[in-house]
Amino acid sequence: MSRVHDALRRAGQGGLAPGEAAGRAPAAVAEVSLAEDLSALLGEAPAIPFTPAPEALLLDDLRPQDPPGEEFRTLRTRLNHLQKLQPIRSVVVTSPSPAEGKSFTAANLALAESQLSGNFALLADFDLRRPSIHRMFQMERAPGLTDYLMGQIPLAGALRRVTGKNLCVMSAGSAVRNPLELMNLPEVKRLISELSRLFSWVVLDSPPLLLSADANLLGTLTDGTILVVRMGSTTIEMVARAMQSLCENNVLGVVVNAARARELYSRYTYYYSRYRYGYRPPEESVESAPSEPPKSAS
C-alpha cells in the first residue's frame, strides 16, 4: 500500500525522482506509474472465478444480446461520455428505499465498464448494514472493506480479482456495530481517492438514502451519484425526499428498474424482460411481481 500511496503522491505533486521523466512528458510518466502500481496491486490480490449466483442475473459475456445487457451498455456509454466532459471516476449507486435494485445496478454497471478494452473497474460494497455483493459473486464477505479500514489487512487483501475479467470486487468485510462512524474516518476519503486514480471506474454500492446517512456521506466523497428507483413501487414523494437529501449537482442520473416493455420511456429504463425469464430478486415476493400481459390469439 505504501508503494501505491507514494506513487500517487508523486504523480499528484509532480515530484518525480531524477531520471524518471527522461524522454517522457509528466502526464505520460504519471500514467505509466499508475499502471505499474495497479499491476502490482492486482498481482497481490487473490483471484476468484466468475461464478455469479443464478438469481443475481449478472451480465454474461456469452449472452451479450440479452435486453438487460444492452441497457447497461447504453448506461455505460452515457457515463463514459460524461467522463470525457468532467473528471468522473467514482460513482455511488443508491436508492430511496430497500429492494429497488441498487445492488443489481451497481454490479452490472461495473461489469459493463470492465468489458471495455483498457478499462479496469472496481465494484465495492459500501452497504455495511445489508451487504449483498459477496452473495451475488458467491464469495466470502470477509476480509473486505471494514477489515482494511480498521487496519487489519492491506489493500490487496480486501480486493478479489475476477479471473478472466478486468474487474475487482471489494466485499463489505466483517460486520461492525456503527457503520456510519467507520464511514466518517478520514481513511475512507483517502481510500476512494486512491482507488479512483488506479481504476478506470470505481462503483460503490451504498445503503438506501432514506434509511441512513451513509449514502449522503459517500456522495460527498465521490464524483457522482446514480439514483435507482423501482417502477410501481417508488413514489414521487420518496424520489423528492431522496433528491433533497443529495447535493443536486452531484446526481448524474436516475435508473428506472422493473419496468415492462410498454412502460419504457428512456434508455435508462432496463430489466423489463426479467419477468419473461422468471427471475425475481430474493427480497421480492411473487405476489409483488406484475404478470406478463396476455398475448392475442392468432
C-alpha atoms as a PDB file:
ATOM      1  CA  MET A   1       0.000   0.000   0.000  1.00  0.00           C
ATOM      2  CA  SER A   2       2.912   2.352   0.702  1.00  0.00           C
ATOM      3  CA  ARG A   3       4.230   1.924  -2.846  1.00  0.00           C
ATOM      4  CA  VAL A   4       0.846   2.767  -4.283  1.00  0.00           C
ATOM      5  CA  HIS A   5       0.410   5.761  -1.992  1.00  0.00           C
ATOM      6  CA  ASP A   6       3.902   7.100  -2.712  1.00  0.00           C
ATOM      7  CA  ALA A   7       3.429   6.777  -6.456  1.00  0.00           C
ATOM      8  CA  LEU A   8       0.083   8.549  -6.300  1.00  0.00           C
ATOM      9  CA  ARG A   9       1.534  11.302  -4.158  1.00  0.00           C
ATOM     10  CA  ARG A  10       4.463  11.824  -6.524  1.00  0.00           C
ATOM     11  CA  ALA A  11       2.175  11.829  -9.564  1.00  0.00           C
ATOM     12  CA  GLY A  12      -0.204  14.312  -7.968  1.00  0.00           C
ATOM     13  CA  GLN A  13       2.554  16.666  -6.835  1.00  0.00           C
ATOM     14  CA  GLY A  14       4.773  16.269  -9.872  1.00  0.00           C
ATOM     15  CA  GLY A  15       7.645  15.350  -7.547  1.00  0.00           C
ATOM     16  CA  LEU A  16       9.124  12.526  -9.655  1.00  0.00           C
ATOM     17  CA  ALA A  17      12.533  11.150  -8.927  1.00  0.00           C
ATOM     18  CA  PRO A  18      15.509  12.352 -11.062  1.00  0.00           C
ATOM     19  CA  GLY A  19      15.703  10.459 -14.342  1.00  0.00           C
ATOM     20  CA  GLU A  20      12.127   9.225 -14.025  1.00  0.00           C
ATOM     21  CA  ALA A  21      10.855  11.663 -16.623  1.00  0.00           C
ATOM     22  CA  ALA A  22      13.671  11.174 -19.116  1.00  0.00           C
ATOM     23  CA  GLY A  23      12.192  11.282 -22.577  1.00  0.00           C
ATOM     24  CA  ARG A  24       8.602  11.408 -21.296  1.00  0.00           C
ATOM     25  CA  ALA A  25       6.057  14.116 -20.660  1.00  0.00           C
ATOM     26  CA  PRO A  26       4.973  14.446 -16.980  1.00  0.00           C
ATOM     27  CA  ALA A  27       1.473  13.194 -17.764  1.00  0.00           C
ATOM     28  CA  ALA A  28       2.859  10.136 -19.524  1.00  0.00           C
ATOM     29  CA  VAL A  29       5.151   9.374 -16.583  1.00  0.00           C
ATOM     30  CA  ALA A  30       2.256   9.611 -14.138  1.00  0.00           C
ATOM     31  CA  GLU A  31       0.140   7.331 -16.316  1.00  0.00           C
ATOM     32  CA  VAL A  32       2.890   4.722 -16.537  1.00  0.00           C
ATOM     33  CA  SER A  33       3.478   4.928 -12.792  1.00  0.00           C
ATOM     34  CA  LEU A  34      -0.208   4.374 -12.034  1.00  0.00           C
ATOM     35  CA  ALA A  35      -0.391   1.466 -14.475  1.00  0.00           C
ATOM     36  CA  GLU A  36       2.595  -0.167 -12.825  1.00  0.00           C
ATOM     37  CA  ASP A  37       1.142   0.257  -9.356  1.00  0.00           C
ATOM     38  CA  LEU A  38      -2.241  -1.082 -10.466  1.00  0.00           C
ATOM     39  CA  SER A  39      -0.490  -4.110 -11.921  1.00  0.00           C
ATOM     40  CA  ALA A  40       1.408  -4.634  -8.656  1.00  0.00           C
ATOM     41  CA  LEU A  41      -1.776  -4.298  -6.599  1.00  0.00           C
ATOM     42  CA  LEU A  42      -3.669  -6.760  -8.777  1.00  0.00           C
ATOM     43  CA  GLY A  43      -0.772  -9.180  -8.565  1.00  0.00           C
ATOM     44  CA  GLU A  44      -1.124  -9.255  -4.777  1.00  0.00           C
ATOM     45  CA  ALA A  45      -4.930  -9.523  -4.734  1.00  0.00           C
ATOM     46  CA  PRO A  46      -6.420 -13.040  -4.512  1.00  0.00           C
ATOM     47  CA  ALA A  47      -8.225 -14.258  -7.638  1.00  0.00           C
ATOM     48  CA  ILE A  48     -11.748 -15.685  -7.724  1.00  0.00           C
ATOM     49  CA  PRO A  49     -13.626 -17.342 -10.608  1.00  0.00           C
ATOM     50  CA  PHE A  50     -16.639 -15.644 -12.138  1.00  0.00           C
ATOM     51  CA  THR A  51     -19.397 -17.862 -10.769  1.00  0.00           C
ATOM     52  CA  PRO A  52     -22.327 -15.500 -10.106  1.00  0.00           C
ATOM     53  CA  ALA A  53     -25.355 -16.673  -8.187  1.00  0.00           C
ATOM     54  CA  PRO A  54     -28.097 -17.701 -10.656  1.00  0.00           C
ATOM     55  CA  GLU A  55     -30.620 -15.357  -9.030  1.00  0.00           C
ATOM     56  CA  ALA A  56     -28.243 -12.372  -9.352  1.00  0.00           C
ATOM     57  CA  LEU A  57     -28.792 -12.140 -13.144  1.00  0.00           C
ATOM     58  CA  LEU A  58     -25.410 -10.555 -13.784  1.00  0.00           C
ATOM     59  CA  LEU A  59     -24.242  -9.711 -17.303  1.00  0.00           C
ATOM     60  CA  ASP A  60     -22.949 -12.714 -19.219  1.00  0.00           C
ATOM     61  CA  ASP A  61     -20.367 -12.308 -21.984  1.00  0.00           C
ATOM     62  CA  LEU A  62     -21.795 -15.425 -23.638  1.00  0.00           C
ATOM     63  CA  ARG A  63     -25.215 -13.770 -23.984  1.00  0.00           C
ATOM     64  CA  PRO A  64     -24.426 -10.179 -24.996  1.00  0.00           C
ATOM     65  CA  GLN A  65     -27.783  -9.649 -26.724  1.00  0.00           C
ATOM     66  CA  ASP A  66     -29.879 -10.118 -23.599  1.00  0.00           C
ATOM     67  CA  PRO A  67     -32.036  -6.973 -23.104  1.00  0.00           C
ATOM     68  CA  PRO A  68     -30.598  -6.107 -19.657  1.00  0.00           C
ATOM     69  CA  GLY A  69     -27.074  -6.196 -21.107  1.00  0.00           C
ATOM     70  CA  GLU A  70     -27.976  -3.808 -23.895  1.00  0.00           C
ATOM     71  CA  GLU A  71     -29.475  -1.328 -21.448  1.00  0.00           C
ATOM     72  CA  PHE A  72     -26.407  -1.400 -19.216  1.00  0.00           C
ATOM     73  CA  ARG A  73     -24.158  -0.825 -22.218  1.00  0.00           C
ATOM     74  CA  THR A  74     -26.275   2.235 -23.007  1.00  0.00           C
ATOM     75  CA  LEU A  75     -25.865   3.458 -19.432  1.00  0.00           C
ATOM     76  CA  ARG A  76     -22.130   2.806 -19.684  1.00  0.00           C
ATOM     77  CA  THR A  77     -21.907   4.819 -22.898  1.00  0.00           C
ATOM     78  CA  ARG A  78     -23.613   7.813 -21.317  1.00  0.00           C
ATOM     79  CA  LEU A  79     -21.393   7.714 -18.251  1.00  0.00           C
ATOM     80  CA  ASN A  80     -18.256   7.400 -20.364  1.00  0.00           C
ATOM     81  CA  HIS A  81     -19.377  10.421 -22.365  1.00  0.00           C
ATOM     82  CA  LEU A  82     -19.779  12.371 -19.129  1.00  0.00           C
ATOM     83  CA  GLN A  83     -16.320  11.237 -18.085  1.00  0.00           C
ATOM     84  CA  LYS A  84     -14.880  12.957 -21.155  1.00  0.00           C
ATOM     85  CA  LEU A  85     -16.574  16.213 -20.179  1.00  0.00           C
ATOM     86  CA  GLN A  86     -15.682  16.227 -16.481  1.00  0.00           C
ATOM     87  CA  PRO A  87     -13.445  14.230 -14.120  1.00  0.00           C
ATOM     88  CA  ILE A  88     -15.749  11.354 -13.109  1.00  0.00           C
ATOM     89  CA  ARG A  89     -14.197   8.083 -11.979  1.00  0.00           C
ATOM     90  CA  SER A  90     -16.109   7.165  -8.811  1.00  0.00           C
ATOM     91  CA  VAL A  91     -19.892   6.839  -8.517  1.00  0.00           C
ATOM     92  CA  VAL A  92     -22.268   5.878  -5.719  1.00  0.00           C
ATOM     93  CA  VAL A  93     -25.277   3.760  -6.649  1.00  0.00           C
ATOM     94  CA  THR A  94     -28.139   4.142  -4.186  1.00  0.00           C
ATOM     95  CA  SER A  95     -31.929   4.206  -3.949  1.00  0.00           C
ATOM     96  CA  PRO A  96     -34.560   5.908  -1.801  1.00  0.00           C
ATOM     97  CA  SER A  97     -35.564   2.674  -0.036  1.00  0.00           C
ATOM     98  CA  PRO A  98     -34.624  -1.042   0.012  1.00  0.00           C
ATOM     99  CA  ALA A  99     -35.478  -3.587  -2.700  1.00  0.00           C
ATOM    100  CA  GLU A 100     -35.310  -1.146  -5.600  1.00  0.00           C
ATOM    101  CA  GLY A 101     -32.374  -2.752  -7.433  1.00  0.00           C
ATOM    102  CA  LYS A 102     -29.375  -0.648  -6.434  1.00  0.00           C
ATOM    103  CA  SER A 103     -27.011  -3.618  -5.855  1.00  0.00           C
ATOM    104  CA  PHE A 104     -28.107  -5.199  -9.129  1.00  0.00           C
ATOM    105  CA  THR A 105     -27.433  -1.918 -10.918  1.00  0.00           C
ATOM    106  CA  ALA A 106     -24.053  -1.356  -9.269  1.00  0.00           C
ATOM    107  CA  ALA A 107     -22.806  -4.873 -10.053  1.00  0.00           C
ATOM    108  CA  ASN A 108     -23.898  -4.838 -13.689  1.00  0.00           C
ATOM    109  CA  LEU A 109     -22.624  -1.310 -14.289  1.00  0.00           C
ATOM    110  CA  ALA A 110     -19.181  -2.358 -13.030  1.00  0.00           C
ATOM    111  CA  LEU A 111     -19.310  -5.474 -15.217  1.00  0.00           C
ATOM    112  CA  ALA A 112     -20.308  -3.407 -18.258  1.00  0.00           C
ATOM    113  CA  GLU A 113     -17.439  -0.978 -17.695  1.00  0.00           C
ATOM    114  CA  SER A 114     -14.962  -3.858 -17.301  1.00  0.00           C
ATOM    115  CA  GLN A 115     -15.928  -5.193 -20.738  1.00  0.00           C
ATOM    116  CA  LEU A 116     -14.392  -2.188 -22.494  1.00  0.00           C
ATOM    117  CA  SER A 117     -10.806  -2.614 -23.632  1.00  0.00           C
ATOM    118  CA  GLY A 118      -8.431  -0.587 -21.461  1.00  0.00           C
ATOM    119  CA  ASN A 119     -10.920  -0.265 -18.603  1.00  0.00           C
ATOM    120  CA  PHE A 120     -10.337  -1.852 -15.217  1.00  0.00           C
ATOM    121  CA  ALA A 121     -13.319  -1.436 -12.918  1.00  0.00           C
ATOM    122  CA  LEU A 122     -13.759  -1.860  -9.177  1.00  0.00           C
ATOM    123  CA  LEU A 123     -17.046  -2.814  -7.532  1.00  0.00           C
ATOM    124  CA  ALA A 124     -17.033  -2.027  -3.795  1.00  0.00           C
ATOM    125  CA  ASP A 125     -19.732  -2.925  -1.283  1.00  0.00           C
ATOM    126  CA  PHE A 126     -20.153   0.095   0.988  1.00  0.00           C
ATOM    127  CA  ASP A 127     -23.542  -1.093   2.203  1.00  0.00           C
ATOM    128  CA  LEU A 128     -22.229  -2.224   5.565  1.00  0.00           C
ATOM    129  CA  ARG A 129     -25.742  -2.548   7.001  1.00  0.00           C
ATOM    130  CA  ARG A 130     -27.086  -5.056   4.478  1.00  0.00           C
ATOM    131  CA  PRO A 131     -24.261  -6.139   2.151  1.00  0.00           C
ATOM    132  CA  SER A 132     -25.131  -8.320  -0.823  1.00  0.00           C
ATOM    133  CA  ILE A 133     -22.315  -8.075  -3.367  1.00  0.00           C
ATOM    134  CA  HIS A 134     -20.478 -11.065  -1.881  1.00  0.00           C
ATOM    135  CA  ARG A 135     -23.582 -13.221  -2.313  1.00  0.00           C
ATOM    136  CA  MET A 136     -24.049 -12.123  -5.920  1.00  0.00           C
ATOM    137  CA  PHE A 137     -20.488 -13.199  -6.762  1.00  0.00           C
ATOM    138  CA  GLN A 138     -20.597 -16.208  -4.397  1.00  0.00           C
ATOM    139  CA  MET A 139     -17.526 -15.100  -2.469  1.00  0.00           C
ATOM    140  CA  GLU A 140     -16.715 -14.635   1.210  1.00  0.00           C
ATOM    141  CA  ARG A 141     -17.894 -11.440   2.892  1.00  0.00           C
ATOM    142  CA  ALA A 142     -14.653 -11.087   4.865  1.00  0.00           C
ATOM    143  CA  PRO A 143     -11.967  -9.986   4.656  1.00  0.00           C
ATOM    144  CA  GLY A 144     -13.059  -6.832   2.908  1.00  0.00           C
ATOM    145  CA  LEU A 145     -13.635  -3.097   3.275  1.00  0.00           C
ATOM    146  CA  THR A 146     -14.137  -2.879   7.040  1.00  0.00           C
ATOM    147  CA  ASP A 147     -11.124  -5.086   7.736  1.00  0.00           C
ATOM    148  CA  TYR A 148      -8.938  -2.756   5.654  1.00  0.00           C
ATOM    149  CA  LEU A 149     -10.306   0.424   7.251  1.00  0.00           C
ATOM    150  CA  MET A 150      -9.605  -0.985  10.717  1.00  0.00           C
ATOM    151  CA  GLY A 151      -6.007  -1.693   9.727  1.00  0.00           C
ATOM    152  CA  GLN A 152      -6.266  -5.475   9.900  1.00  0.00           C
ATOM    153  CA  ILE A 153      -5.290  -6.210   6.278  1.00  0.00           C
ATOM    154  CA  PRO A 154      -3.510  -4.427   3.407  1.00  0.00           C
ATOM    155  CA  LEU A 155      -5.485  -3.040   0.495  1.00  0.00           C
ATOM    156  CA  ALA A 156      -4.728  -6.030  -1.718  1.00  0.00           C
ATOM    157  CA  GLY A 157      -6.187  -8.309   0.950  1.00  0.00           C
ATOM    158  CA  ALA A 158      -9.548  -6.532   0.696  1.00  0.00           C
ATOM    159  CA  LEU A 159      -9.780  -6.998  -3.080  1.00  0.00           C
ATOM    160  CA  ARG A 160     -10.713 -10.003  -5.182  1.00  0.00           C
ATOM    161  CA  ARG A 161      -9.618 -10.067  -8.799  1.00  0.00           C
ATOM    162  CA  VAL A 162     -12.225 -11.778 -11.011  1.00  0.00           C
ATOM    163  CA  THR A 163     -10.499 -14.254 -13.302  1.00  0.00           C
ATOM    164  CA  GLY A 164     -10.870 -13.506 -16.996  1.00  0.00           C
ATOM    165  CA  LYS A 165     -12.321 -10.030 -16.452  1.00  0.00           C
ATOM    166  CA  ASN A 166     -10.985  -6.522 -15.939  1.00  0.00           C
ATOM    167  CA  LEU A 167     -12.873  -6.375 -12.669  1.00  0.00           C
ATOM    168  CA  CYS A 168     -12.052  -6.311  -8.966  1.00  0.00           C
ATOM    169  CA  VAL A 169     -14.606  -6.798  -6.212  1.00  0.00           C
ATOM    170  CA  MET A 170     -14.298  -5.455  -2.668  1.00  0.00           C
ATOM    171  CA  SER A 171     -16.750  -7.097  -0.292  1.00  0.00           C
ATOM    172  CA  ALA A 172     -18.137  -5.320   2.778  1.00  0.00           C
ATOM    173  CA  GLY A 173     -15.905  -7.193   5.214  1.00  0.00           C
ATOM    174  CA  SER A 174     -16.533  -8.121   8.819  1.00  0.00           C
ATOM    175  CA  ALA A 175     -19.671  -6.752  10.484  1.00  0.00           C
ATOM    176  CA  VAL A 176     -19.276  -3.560  12.520  1.00  0.00           C
ATOM    177  CA  ARG A 177     -21.564  -2.044  15.153  1.00  0.00           C
ATOM    178  CA  ASN A 178     -21.740   1.502  13.797  1.00  0.00           C
ATOM    179  CA  PRO A 179     -21.109   1.708  10.033  1.00  0.00           C
ATOM    180  CA  LEU A 180     -21.589   5.491   9.892  1.00  0.00           C
ATOM    181  CA  GLU A 181     -18.752   6.084  12.350  1.00  0.00           C
ATOM    182  CA  LEU A 182     -16.481   3.969  10.160  1.00  0.00           C
ATOM    183  CA  MET A 183     -17.561   5.882   7.035  1.00  0.00           C
ATOM    184  CA  ASN A 184     -16.570   9.143   8.755  1.00  0.00           C
ATOM    185  CA  LEU A 185     -12.954   8.058   9.153  1.00  0.00           C
ATOM    186  CA  PRO A 186     -10.500  10.100   7.057  1.00  0.00           C
ATOM    187  CA  GLU A 187      -9.172   6.799   5.688  1.00  0.00           C
ATOM    188  CA  VAL A 188     -12.401   6.401   3.689  1.00  0.00           C
ATOM    189  CA  LYS A 189     -11.819   9.603   1.739  1.00  0.00           C
ATOM    190  CA  ARG A 190      -8.185   8.683   1.095  1.00  0.00           C
ATOM    191  CA  LEU A 191      -9.160   5.183   0.008  1.00  0.00           C
ATOM    192  CA  ILE A 192     -11.764   6.378  -2.508  1.00  0.00           C
ATOM    193  CA  SER A 193      -9.333   8.982  -3.853  1.00  0.00           C
ATOM    194  CA  GLU A 194      -6.555   6.446  -4.369  1.00  0.00           C
ATOM    195  CA  LEU A 195      -8.843   3.830  -5.901  1.00  0.00           C
ATOM    196  CA  SER A 196     -10.213   6.459  -8.296  1.00  0.00           C
ATOM    197  CA  ARG A 197      -6.684   7.148  -9.511  1.00  0.00           C
ATOM    198  CA  LEU A 198      -5.893   3.466 -10.020  1.00  0.00           C
ATOM    199  CA  PHE A 199      -9.102   2.182 -11.610  1.00  0.00           C
ATOM    200  CA  SER A 200     -10.941   3.487 -14.663  1.00  0.00           C
ATOM    201  CA  TRP A 201     -14.213   3.283 -12.742  1.00  0.00           C
ATOM    202  CA  VAL A 202     -14.994   2.790  -9.052  1.00  0.00           C
ATOM    203  CA  VAL A 203     -18.622   1.800  -8.428  1.00  0.00           C
ATOM    204  CA  LEU A 204     -19.854   1.885  -4.832  1.00  0.00           C
ATOM    205  CA  ASP A 205     -22.993   0.118  -3.640  1.00  0.00           C
ATOM    206  CA  SER A 206     -24.395   2.037  -0.663  1.00  0.00           C
ATOM    207  CA  PRO A 207     -27.363   1.814   1.743  1.00  0.00           C
ATOM    208  CA  PRO A 208     -30.708   3.411   0.785  1.00  0.00           C
ATOM    209  CA  LEU A 209     -30.860   7.175   1.215  1.00  0.00           C
ATOM    210  CA  LEU A 210     -33.965   7.366   3.383  1.00  0.00           C
ATOM    211  CA  LEU A 211     -32.791   4.789   5.931  1.00  0.00           C
ATOM    212  CA  SER A 212     -29.311   6.044   6.788  1.00  0.00           C
ATOM    213  CA  ALA A 213     -26.867   8.895   6.197  1.00  0.00           C
ATOM    214  CA  ASP A 214     -24.190   6.643   4.685  1.00  0.00           C
ATOM    215  CA  ALA A 215     -25.133   7.294   1.056  1.00  0.00           C
ATOM    216  CA  ASN A 216     -25.269  11.064   1.598  1.00  0.00           C
ATOM    217  CA  LEU A 217     -21.774  10.997   3.078  1.00  0.00           C
ATOM    218  CA  LEU A 218     -20.400   8.826   0.268  1.00  0.00           C
ATOM    219  CA  GLY A 219     -21.943  11.180  -2.259  1.00  0.00           C
ATOM    220  CA  THR A 220     -19.698  13.972  -0.974  1.00  0.00           C
ATOM    221  CA  LEU A 221     -16.599  11.765  -1.288  1.00  0.00           C
ATOM    222  CA  THR A 222     -17.190  10.589  -4.861  1.00  0.00           C
ATOM    223  CA  ASP A 223     -17.649  12.199  -8.259  1.00  0.00           C
ATOM    224  CA  GLY A 224     -21.346  11.492  -8.644  1.00  0.00           C
ATOM    225  CA  THR A 225     -24.451   9.611  -7.551  1.00  0.00           C
ATOM    226  CA  ILE A 226     -26.805   7.370  -9.524  1.00  0.00           C
ATOM    227  CA  LEU A 227     -30.287   7.010  -8.068  1.00  0.00           C
ATOM    228  CA  VAL A 228     -32.189   3.764  -8.687  1.00  0.00           C
ATOM    229  CA  VAL A 229     -35.988   3.803  -8.450  1.00  0.00           C
ATOM    230  CA  ARG A 230     -38.442   0.967  -8.927  1.00  0.00           C
ATOM    231  CA  MET A 231     -41.375   1.248 -11.302  1.00  0.00           C
ATOM    232  CA  GLY A 232     -44.657   0.793  -9.464  1.00  0.00           C
ATOM    233  CA  SER A 233     -43.018   0.908  -6.041  1.00  0.00           C
ATOM    234  CA  THR A 234     -41.055   4.129  -5.599  1.00  0.00           C
ATOM    235  CA  THR A 235     -43.359   7.098  -5.069  1.00  0.00           C
ATOM    236  CA  ILE A 236     -42.813  10.656  -6.264  1.00  0.00           C
ATOM    237  CA  GLU A 237     -42.564  11.745  -2.640  1.00  0.00           C
ATOM    238  CA  MET A 238     -39.779   9.241  -1.989  1.00  0.00           C
ATOM    239  CA  VAL A 239     -37.851  10.434  -5.044  1.00  0.00           C
ATOM    240  CA  ALA A 240     -38.266  14.065  -3.982  1.00  0.00           C
ATOM    241  CA  ARG A 241     -37.028  13.334  -0.462  1.00  0.00           C
ATOM    242  CA  ALA A 242     -34.071  11.394  -1.820  1.00  0.00           C
ATOM    243  CA  MET A 243     -33.092  14.184  -4.198  1.00  0.00           C
ATOM    244  CA  GLN A 244     -33.381  16.773  -1.427  1.00  0.00           C
ATOM    245  CA  SER A 245     -31.011  14.750   0.737  1.00  0.00           C
ATOM    246  CA  LEU A 246     -28.379  14.762  -2.015  1.00  0.00           C
ATOM    247  CA  CYS A 247     -26.378  17.581  -3.456  1.00  0.00           C
ATOM    248  CA  GLU A 248     -28.298  18.195  -6.677  1.00  0.00           C
ATOM    249  CA  ASN A 249     -25.136  18.994  -8.619  1.00  0.00           C
ATOM    250  CA  ASN A 250     -23.770  15.539  -7.745  1.00  0.00           C
ATOM    251  CA  VAL A 251     -26.650  13.496  -9.196  1.00  0.00           C
ATOM    252  CA  LEU A 252     -25.597  12.001 -12.530  1.00  0.00           C
ATOM    253  CA  GLY A 253     -28.923  10.399 -13.387  1.00  0.00           C
ATOM    254  CA  VAL A 254     -31.798   8.134 -12.425  1.00  0.00           C
ATOM    255  CA  VAL A 255     -32.178   4.461 -13.352  1.00  0.00           C
ATOM    256  CA  VAL A 256     -35.728   3.090 -13.522  1.00  0.00           C
ATOM    257  CA  ASN A 257     -35.902  -0.567 -12.538  1.00  0.00           C
ATOM    258  CA  ALA A 258     -38.544  -3.287 -13.061  1.00  0.00           C
ATOM    259  CA  ALA A 259     -40.359  -1.611 -15.951  1.00  0.00           C
ATOM    260  CA  ARG A 260     -42.264  -3.621 -18.523  1.00  0.00           C
ATOM    261  CA  ALA A 261     -41.901  -3.128 -22.255  1.00  0.00           C
ATOM    262  CA  ARG A 262     -44.905  -0.847 -22.652  1.00  0.00           C
ATOM    263  CA  GLU A 263     -43.672   1.348 -19.791  1.00  0.00           C
ATOM    264  CA  LEU A 264     -40.299   2.127 -21.317  1.00  0.00           C
ATOM    265  CA  TYR A 265     -39.771   5.801 -21.953  1.00  0.00           C
ATOM    266  CA  SER A 266     -35.995   6.158 -21.646  1.00  0.00           C
ATOM    267  CA  ARG A 267     -32.902   4.164 -22.472  1.00  0.00           C
ATOM    268  CA  TYR A 268     -32.102   4.383 -18.766  1.00  0.00           C
ATOM    269  CA  THR A 269     -35.010   2.003 -18.181  1.00  0.00           C
ATOM    270  CA  TYR A 270     -33.923  -1.615 -18.216  1.00  0.00           C
ATOM    271  CA  TYR A 271     -34.546  -5.070 -16.898  1.00  0.00           C
ATOM    272  CA  TYR A 272     -38.144  -5.331 -18.119  1.00  0.00           C
ATOM    273  CA  SER A 273     -37.564  -8.748 -19.657  1.00  0.00           C
ATOM    274  CA  ARG A 274     -36.705 -10.465 -16.386  1.00  0.00           C
ATOM    275  CA  TYR A 275     -40.355 -11.455 -15.927  1.00  0.00           C
ATOM    276  CA  ARG A 276     -40.171 -13.348 -19.187  1.00  0.00           C
ATOM    277  CA  TYR A 277     -37.199 -15.262 -17.776  1.00  0.00           C
ATOM    278  CA  GLY A 278     -38.994 -15.884 -14.486  1.00  0.00           C
ATOM    279  CA  TYR A 279     -36.431 -14.005 -12.352  1.00  0.00           C
ATOM    280  CA  ARG A 280     -37.313 -12.151  -9.169  1.00  0.00           C
ATOM    281  CA  PRO A 281     -34.807 -10.740  -6.657  1.00  0.00           C
ATOM    282  CA  PRO A 282     -34.653 -12.579  -3.316  1.00  0.00           C
ATOM    283  CA  GLU A 283     -36.228  -9.687  -1.435  1.00  0.00           C
ATOM    284  CA  GLU A 284     -39.278  -9.659  -3.711  1.00  0.00           C
ATOM    285  CA  SER A 285     -42.370 -11.726  -3.113  1.00  0.00           C
ATOM    286  CA  VAL A 286     -44.030 -13.494  -6.009  1.00  0.00           C
ATOM    287  CA  GLU A 287     -47.206 -11.535  -5.443  1.00  0.00           C
ATOM    288  CA  SER A 288     -45.423  -8.232  -5.975  1.00  0.00           C
ATOM    289  CA  ALA A 289     -44.295  -9.069  -9.494  1.00  0.00           C
ATOM    290  CA  PRO A 290     -46.643  -7.958 -12.268  1.00  0.00           C
ATOM    291  CA  SER A 291     -47.647 -10.621 -14.730  1.00  0.00           C
ATOM    292  CA  GLU A 292     -46.905 -10.557 -18.436  1.00  0.00           C
ATOM    293  CA  PRO A 293     -49.783  -9.143 -20.481  1.00  0.00           C
ATOM    294  CA  PRO A 294     -51.691 -11.888 -22.319  1.00  0.00           C
ATOM    295  CA  LYS A 295     -50.958 -12.438 -25.986  1.00  0.00           C
ATOM    296  CA  SER A 296     -53.736 -12.109 -28.504  1.00  0.00           C
ATOM    297  CA  ALA A 297     -54.900 -15.314 -30.137  1.00  0.00           C
ATOM    298  CA  SER A 298     -53.632 -15.892 -33.641  1.00  0.00           C
END
